[in-house]
N, C-alpha and C. Protein backbone atom coordinates (compact mmCIF):
# COMPACT_ATOMS: atom_id res chain seq x y z
N UNK A 1 48.96 62.15 163.19
CA UNK A 1 49.12 62.62 163.92
C UNK A 1 49.92 63.32 164.74
N UNK A 2 49.86 64.30 165.61
CA UNK A 2 51.14 64.48 166.04
C UNK A 2 50.62 65.00 167.00
N UNK A 3 51.16 65.38 168.09
CA UNK A 3 52.11 65.41 169.75
C UNK A 3 51.86 66.69 169.63
N UNK A 4 50.53 67.54 170.79
CA UNK A 4 50.80 68.19 171.05
C UNK A 4 51.90 69.16 171.57
N UNK A 5 52.46 70.59 171.33
CA UNK A 5 53.33 70.67 172.01
C UNK A 5 53.64 70.42 173.37
N UNK A 6 53.08 71.01 173.82
CA UNK A 6 53.03 70.80 175.54
C UNK A 6 52.76 70.07 176.12
N UNK A 7 52.71 68.59 175.57
CA UNK A 7 53.04 67.14 175.86
C UNK A 7 54.01 66.32 175.58
N UNK A 8 54.77 65.98 176.63
CA UNK A 8 56.22 66.05 176.66
C UNK A 8 55.92 63.93 176.07
N UNK A 9 56.92 63.52 175.27
CA UNK A 9 57.09 62.59 175.21
C UNK A 9 57.51 61.03 175.71
N UNK A 10 57.30 60.58 176.34
CA UNK A 10 58.16 59.72 176.75
C UNK A 10 59.44 59.05 176.22
N UNK A 11 59.40 58.73 174.64
CA UNK A 11 61.32 58.54 174.02
C UNK A 11 61.40 59.99 174.37
N UNK A 12 61.01 61.15 174.44
CA UNK A 12 62.35 62.66 174.16
C UNK A 12 63.01 61.99 175.98
N UNK A 13 61.68 62.25 176.74
CA UNK A 13 62.70 62.07 177.86
C UNK A 13 63.61 61.43 178.09
N UNK A 14 63.54 59.88 177.89
CA UNK A 14 64.91 58.51 177.23
C UNK A 14 65.99 59.10 176.94
N UNK A 15 65.33 59.75 175.83
CA UNK A 15 66.41 60.35 175.03
C UNK A 15 67.58 61.08 175.43
N UNK A 16 66.84 62.34 176.13
CA UNK A 16 67.90 63.00 176.75
C UNK A 16 68.08 63.14 178.28
N UNK A 17 67.73 61.87 178.91
CA UNK A 17 68.95 61.84 180.20
C UNK A 17 69.37 60.61 179.79
N UNK A 18 69.63 59.79 178.58
CA UNK A 18 71.15 59.81 177.98
C UNK A 18 71.68 60.46 178.03
N UNK A 19 71.62 61.53 176.69
CA UNK A 19 72.17 62.13 176.24
C UNK A 19 72.79 62.82 178.20
N UNK A 20 72.17 63.42 179.04
CA UNK A 20 72.59 63.98 179.76
C UNK A 20 73.73 63.31 180.17
N UNK A 21 73.29 62.04 181.09
CA UNK A 21 74.45 60.72 181.54
C UNK A 21 75.66 60.61 180.84
N UNK A 22 75.37 60.71 179.22
CA UNK A 22 77.19 60.51 178.07
C UNK A 22 77.26 61.70 178.88
N UNK A 23 77.29 63.02 178.35
CA UNK A 23 77.86 63.93 178.85
C UNK A 23 78.01 64.15 179.98
N UNK A 24 78.11 63.88 181.17
CA UNK A 24 77.89 64.17 182.29
C UNK A 24 79.29 63.10 182.61
N UNK A 25 79.31 62.03 181.81
CA UNK A 25 80.27 61.12 182.15
C UNK A 25 81.57 61.66 181.30
N UNK A 26 81.47 61.80 180.56
CA UNK A 26 82.53 62.73 179.29
C UNK A 26 83.19 63.55 180.20
N UNK A 27 82.19 64.34 180.99
CA UNK A 27 82.98 65.88 181.49
C UNK A 27 83.48 65.24 183.18
N UNK A 28 83.25 64.56 183.78
CA UNK A 28 83.69 64.00 184.63
C UNK A 28 84.94 63.35 184.45
N UNK A 29 85.12 62.70 183.31
CA UNK A 29 86.34 61.95 182.90
C UNK A 29 87.63 63.12 182.75
N UNK A 30 86.70 64.32 182.15
CA UNK A 30 87.54 65.91 181.81
C UNK A 30 87.83 66.70 182.75
N UNK A 31 87.08 66.38 183.87
CA UNK A 31 87.46 67.32 185.04
C UNK A 31 87.32 66.35 186.23
N UNK A 32 88.92 65.66 186.46
CA UNK A 32 88.75 64.61 187.71
C UNK A 32 89.55 65.61 188.37
N UNK A 33 90.30 66.63 188.57
CA UNK A 33 90.54 67.82 189.62
C UNK A 33 89.15 68.49 189.95
N UNK A 34 87.70 67.99 189.73
CA UNK A 34 86.82 68.95 190.09
C UNK A 34 85.85 67.71 190.36
N UNK A 35 85.84 66.81 191.00
CA UNK A 35 85.25 65.87 191.48
C UNK A 35 83.49 66.40 191.74
N UNK A 36 82.00 65.85 191.10
CA UNK A 36 80.61 66.07 191.33
C UNK A 36 80.16 67.44 190.22
N UNK A 37 80.98 68.14 189.27
CA UNK A 37 81.13 69.56 188.85
C UNK A 37 80.49 68.33 187.23
N UNK A 38 81.37 67.57 187.45
CA UNK A 38 81.48 66.71 185.14
C UNK A 38 80.20 66.73 185.26
N UNK A 39 79.52 66.27 186.31
CA UNK A 39 77.84 66.09 185.79
C UNK A 39 76.62 67.42 185.28
N UNK A 40 76.87 68.71 186.48
CA UNK A 40 76.94 69.81 186.06
C UNK A 40 77.11 70.16 184.85
N UNK A 41 78.06 69.69 184.48
CA UNK A 41 78.72 70.52 183.19
C UNK A 41 78.30 69.82 182.30
N UNK A 42 77.68 68.60 181.75
CA UNK A 42 77.52 67.64 181.21
C UNK A 42 76.15 67.82 181.41
N UNK A 43 75.31 68.34 182.09
CA UNK A 43 73.83 69.06 182.23
C UNK A 43 73.86 70.19 181.52
N UNK A 44 74.64 71.10 181.41
CA UNK A 44 74.92 72.31 180.44
C UNK A 44 74.73 71.93 179.21
N UNK A 45 75.91 70.46 179.17
CA UNK A 45 75.72 70.70 177.85
C UNK A 45 74.31 70.27 176.41
N UNK A 46 73.95 69.15 177.46
CA UNK A 46 73.06 68.66 176.94
C UNK A 46 71.42 69.53 177.02
N UNK A 47 71.68 70.48 177.76
CA UNK A 47 70.42 71.67 177.91
C UNK A 47 70.75 72.46 176.96
N UNK A 48 71.82 72.64 175.76
CA UNK A 48 72.37 73.68 175.63
C UNK A 48 72.13 73.18 174.15
N UNK A 49 72.78 71.78 174.04
CA UNK A 49 71.85 70.65 172.30
C UNK A 49 70.53 70.79 172.66
N UNK A 50 69.85 70.50 174.03
CA UNK A 50 68.57 70.63 173.69
C UNK A 50 67.76 72.02 173.06
N UNK A 51 68.05 72.43 173.11
CA UNK A 51 68.21 74.64 173.09
C UNK A 51 68.29 74.35 171.65
N UNK A 52 69.38 73.71 171.32
CA UNK A 52 69.68 74.52 169.65
C UNK A 52 69.42 73.16 168.66
N UNK A 53 68.91 72.34 169.14
CA UNK A 53 67.81 71.13 168.32
C UNK A 53 66.47 71.90 168.51
N UNK A 54 66.08 72.40 169.59
CA UNK A 54 64.54 72.75 169.72
C UNK A 54 64.13 74.17 168.86
N UNK A 55 65.55 74.95 169.27
CA UNK A 55 65.63 76.04 167.52
C UNK A 55 65.85 75.66 166.15
N UNK A 56 66.59 74.60 166.27
CA UNK A 56 66.95 73.96 164.10
C UNK A 56 65.17 73.96 164.54
N UNK A 57 64.44 73.00 165.18
CA UNK A 57 62.73 72.34 164.81
C UNK A 57 61.68 73.37 164.11
N UNK A 58 62.51 75.04 164.61
CA UNK A 58 61.60 76.27 164.76
C UNK A 58 60.19 75.98 163.54
N UNK A 59 59.15 75.92 163.91
CA UNK A 59 58.02 75.86 162.98
C UNK A 59 58.13 77.32 161.65
N UNK A 60 57.57 77.10 160.59
CA UNK A 60 58.10 78.36 159.65
C UNK A 60 56.55 78.39 159.74
N UNK A 61 56.06 79.75 159.48
CA UNK A 61 55.33 81.01 158.75
C UNK A 61 53.89 79.77 158.84
N UNK A 62 54.20 78.39 157.90
CA UNK A 62 53.51 77.76 157.69
C UNK A 62 52.67 77.03 158.85
N UNK A 63 53.12 77.00 159.81
CA UNK A 63 52.95 76.11 160.38
C UNK A 63 53.50 74.62 160.49
N UNK A 64 54.23 74.26 159.81
CA UNK A 64 54.81 73.07 159.52
C UNK A 64 56.16 73.52 160.19
N UNK A 65 57.12 72.12 160.35
CA UNK A 65 58.64 71.93 161.42
C UNK A 65 59.20 71.54 160.20
N UNK A 66 60.45 71.43 159.96
CA UNK A 66 61.76 70.76 158.74
C UNK A 66 61.48 69.81 159.05
N UNK A 67 61.25 68.74 160.10
CA UNK A 67 60.64 67.38 160.26
C UNK A 67 60.27 66.71 158.92
N UNK A 68 60.19 65.31 158.94
CA UNK A 68 59.29 64.97 157.65
C UNK A 68 58.69 63.99 158.51
N UNK A 69 56.79 64.41 158.33
CA UNK A 69 56.47 63.29 159.80
C UNK A 69 55.07 62.80 158.37
């Protein structure tokens, strides 16, 4: 049974929240001269990673995704 694409699963939100925090923390350490910009940069990186991941899971012509489930 699959979840409709319009519905967000809570575990996905938790994972993306964790990715956002990790990227933000790394960017904050790297961008020490620009306080506050680290989490903005981290959010941008997390968004780009999310878009790339969703693009990689795009449905094929037969309606299946590349995931095995």
